[in-house]
Amino acid sequence: MSKKKKATGDTYLAVGIGIGLPLGAVLGLTLFDDLAIGAGIGLVFGITVGTAIDSNKA
């Protein structure tokens, strides 16, 4: 019986995108009065933070 290691490589990336996208959308509507600008900023922020956490965990 072989034990398979659970693949958690993209876990924090997904969490970063999932949190960054809605927060960016809210900030975009609040500051810029445009949903797309805020969502783009939140997406980039979420990818950056998620990738940074993933790289530190390895």
N, C-alpha and C. Protein backbone atom coordinates (compact mmCIF):
# COMPACT_ATOMS: atom_id res chain seq x y z
N MET A 1 0.84 -1.18 0.00
CA MET A 1 0.00 0.00 0.00
C MET A 1 0.88 1.24 0.00
N SER A 2 0.72 2.03 -1.00
CA SER A 2 1.51 3.25 -1.08
C SER A 2 0.68 4.43 -0.59
N LYS A 3 1.33 5.27 0.15
CA LYS A 3 0.66 6.46 0.64
C LYS A 3 0.93 7.61 -0.32
N LYS A 4 -0.12 8.23 -0.76
CA LYS A 4 0.01 9.35 -1.69
C LYS A 4 0.04 10.65 -0.90
N LYS A 5 0.99 11.49 -1.23
CA LYS A 5 1.07 12.80 -0.59
C LYS A 5 0.06 13.73 -1.26
N LYS A 6 -0.69 14.42 -0.46
CA LYS A 6 -1.69 15.33 -0.99
C LYS A 6 -1.00 16.53 -1.64
N ALA A 7 -1.38 16.83 -2.86
CA ALA A 7 -0.78 17.95 -3.58
C ALA A 7 -1.44 19.25 -3.14
N THR A 8 -0.67 20.10 -2.50
CA THR A 8 -1.20 21.38 -2.02
C THR A 8 -0.42 22.54 -2.62
N GLY A 9 0.09 22.36 -3.82
CA GLY A 9 0.94 23.37 -4.42
C GLY A 9 0.24 24.68 -4.71
N ASP A 10 -1.02 24.61 -5.15
CA ASP A 10 -1.72 25.82 -5.56
C ASP A 10 -2.75 26.28 -4.53
N THR A 11 -2.65 25.79 -3.32
CA THR A 11 -3.65 26.11 -2.31
C THR A 11 -3.65 27.59 -1.97
N TYR A 12 -2.50 28.13 -1.65
CA TYR A 12 -2.45 29.54 -1.24
C TYR A 12 -2.65 30.48 -2.42
N LEU A 13 -2.29 30.04 -3.62
CA LEU A 13 -2.56 30.84 -4.81
C LEU A 13 -4.07 30.98 -5.01
N ALA A 14 -4.79 29.89 -4.85
CA ALA A 14 -6.24 29.94 -4.99
C ALA A 14 -6.89 30.78 -3.90
N VAL A 15 -6.37 30.67 -2.69
CA VAL A 15 -6.90 31.47 -1.58
C VAL A 15 -6.62 32.95 -1.83
N GLY A 16 -5.42 33.26 -2.31
CA GLY A 16 -5.07 34.65 -2.61
C GLY A 16 -5.96 35.25 -3.67
N ILE A 17 -6.24 34.48 -4.73
CA ILE A 17 -7.12 34.96 -5.78
C ILE A 17 -8.55 35.10 -5.25
N GLY A 18 -8.98 34.12 -4.48
CA GLY A 18 -10.34 34.15 -3.94
C GLY A 18 -10.60 35.30 -3.00
N ILE A 19 -9.59 35.73 -2.28
CA ILE A 19 -9.74 36.86 -1.36
C ILE A 19 -9.45 38.18 -2.08
N GLY A 20 -8.43 38.19 -2.92
CA GLY A 20 -8.03 39.44 -3.58
C GLY A 20 -9.03 39.96 -4.59
N LEU A 21 -9.69 39.07 -5.31
CA LEU A 21 -10.63 39.50 -6.34
C LEU A 21 -11.85 40.24 -5.78
N PRO A 22 -12.54 39.71 -4.78
CA PRO A 22 -13.67 40.48 -4.24
C PRO A 22 -13.26 41.74 -3.50
N LEU A 23 -12.14 41.68 -2.75
CA LEU A 23 -11.70 42.90 -2.06
C LEU A 23 -11.29 43.98 -3.06
N GLY A 24 -10.63 43.56 -4.12
CA GLY A 24 -10.26 44.53 -5.16
C GLY A 24 -11.48 45.10 -5.85
N ALA A 25 -12.49 44.28 -6.07
CA ALA A 25 -13.72 44.78 -6.69
C ALA A 25 -14.40 45.82 -5.81
N VAL A 26 -14.45 45.57 -4.51
CA VAL A 26 -15.06 46.54 -3.60
C VAL A 26 -14.25 47.83 -3.56
N LEU A 27 -12.92 47.70 -3.47
CA LEU A 27 -12.09 48.91 -3.47
C LEU A 27 -12.18 49.65 -4.80
N GLY A 28 -12.29 48.90 -5.89
CA GLY A 28 -12.43 49.55 -7.20
C GLY A 28 -13.72 50.33 -7.31
N LEU A 29 -14.80 49.76 -6.79
CA LEU A 29 -16.07 50.49 -6.82
C LEU A 29 -16.04 51.69 -5.89
N THR A 30 -15.32 51.58 -4.79
CA THR A 30 -15.27 52.67 -3.83
C THR A 30 -14.35 53.79 -4.30
N LEU A 31 -13.15 53.45 -4.72
CA LEU A 31 -12.16 54.47 -5.05
C LEU A 31 -12.23 54.96 -6.49
N PHE A 32 -12.40 54.03 -7.44
CA PHE A 32 -12.31 54.39 -8.86
C PHE A 32 -13.66 54.44 -9.55
N ASP A 33 -14.71 54.00 -8.89
CA ASP A 33 -16.05 53.90 -9.46
C ASP A 33 -16.05 53.01 -10.70
N ASP A 34 -15.20 52.00 -10.69
CA ASP A 34 -15.10 51.07 -11.80
C ASP A 34 -14.75 49.69 -11.26
N LEU A 35 -15.60 48.73 -11.53
CA LEU A 35 -15.42 47.38 -11.01
C LEU A 35 -14.20 46.69 -11.62
N ALA A 36 -13.99 46.87 -12.92
CA ALA A 36 -12.92 46.15 -13.62
C ALA A 36 -11.53 46.57 -13.14
N ILE A 37 -11.33 47.83 -12.88
CA ILE A 37 -10.01 48.29 -12.42
C ILE A 37 -9.70 47.69 -11.05
N GLY A 38 -10.65 47.73 -10.15
CA GLY A 38 -10.44 47.17 -8.82
C GLY A 38 -10.26 45.66 -8.85
N ALA A 39 -11.04 44.97 -9.68
CA ALA A 39 -10.90 43.52 -9.78
C ALA A 39 -9.54 43.14 -10.33
N GLY A 40 -9.05 43.89 -11.29
CA GLY A 40 -7.71 43.64 -11.83
C GLY A 40 -6.62 43.85 -10.80
N ILE A 41 -6.74 44.91 -10.04
CA ILE A 41 -5.75 45.18 -8.98
C ILE A 41 -5.82 44.09 -7.91
N GLY A 42 -7.02 43.69 -7.52
CA GLY A 42 -7.18 42.64 -6.53
C GLY A 42 -6.66 41.30 -7.01
N LEU A 43 -6.85 41.01 -8.30
CA LEU A 43 -6.35 39.76 -8.87
C LEU A 43 -4.83 39.72 -8.85
N VAL A 44 -4.20 40.81 -9.24
CA VAL A 44 -2.74 40.87 -9.22
C VAL A 44 -2.22 40.76 -7.79
N PHE A 45 -2.86 41.44 -6.87
CA PHE A 45 -2.45 41.36 -5.47
C PHE A 45 -2.61 39.95 -4.92
N GLY A 46 -3.73 39.29 -5.24
CA GLY A 46 -3.97 37.94 -4.78
C GLY A 46 -2.98 36.94 -5.33
N ILE A 47 -2.64 37.07 -6.61
CA ILE A 47 -1.64 36.18 -7.21
C ILE A 47 -0.28 36.40 -6.58
N THR A 48 0.07 37.65 -6.35
CA THR A 48 1.38 37.96 -5.76
C THR A 48 1.50 37.40 -4.34
N VAL A 49 0.51 37.64 -3.52
CA VAL A 49 0.56 37.17 -2.14
C VAL A 49 0.49 35.65 -2.08
N GLY A 50 -0.38 35.04 -2.87
CA GLY A 50 -0.50 33.58 -2.88
C GLY A 50 0.77 32.89 -3.34
N THR A 51 1.41 33.43 -4.36
CA THR A 51 2.66 32.85 -4.85
C THR A 51 3.78 33.03 -3.84
N ALA A 52 3.81 34.17 -3.16
CA ALA A 52 4.84 34.41 -2.15
C ALA A 52 4.69 33.43 -0.98
N ILE A 53 3.47 33.19 -0.55
CA ILE A 53 3.25 32.24 0.55
C ILE A 53 3.60 30.83 0.10
N ASP A 54 3.22 30.45 -1.13
CA ASP A 54 3.55 29.13 -1.65
C ASP A 54 5.05 28.90 -1.72
N SER A 55 5.78 29.92 -2.14
CA SER A 55 7.23 29.75 -2.28
C SER A 55 7.92 29.67 -0.92
N ASN A 56 7.36 30.29 0.10
CA ASN A 56 7.94 30.21 1.44
C ASN A 56 7.64 28.88 2.11
N LYS A 57 6.58 28.22 1.75
CA LYS A 57 6.20 26.95 2.37
C LYS A 57 7.03 25.79 1.83
N ALA A 58 7.64 25.94 0.69
CA ALA A 58 8.41 24.83 0.08
C ALA A 58 9.74 24.66 0.66
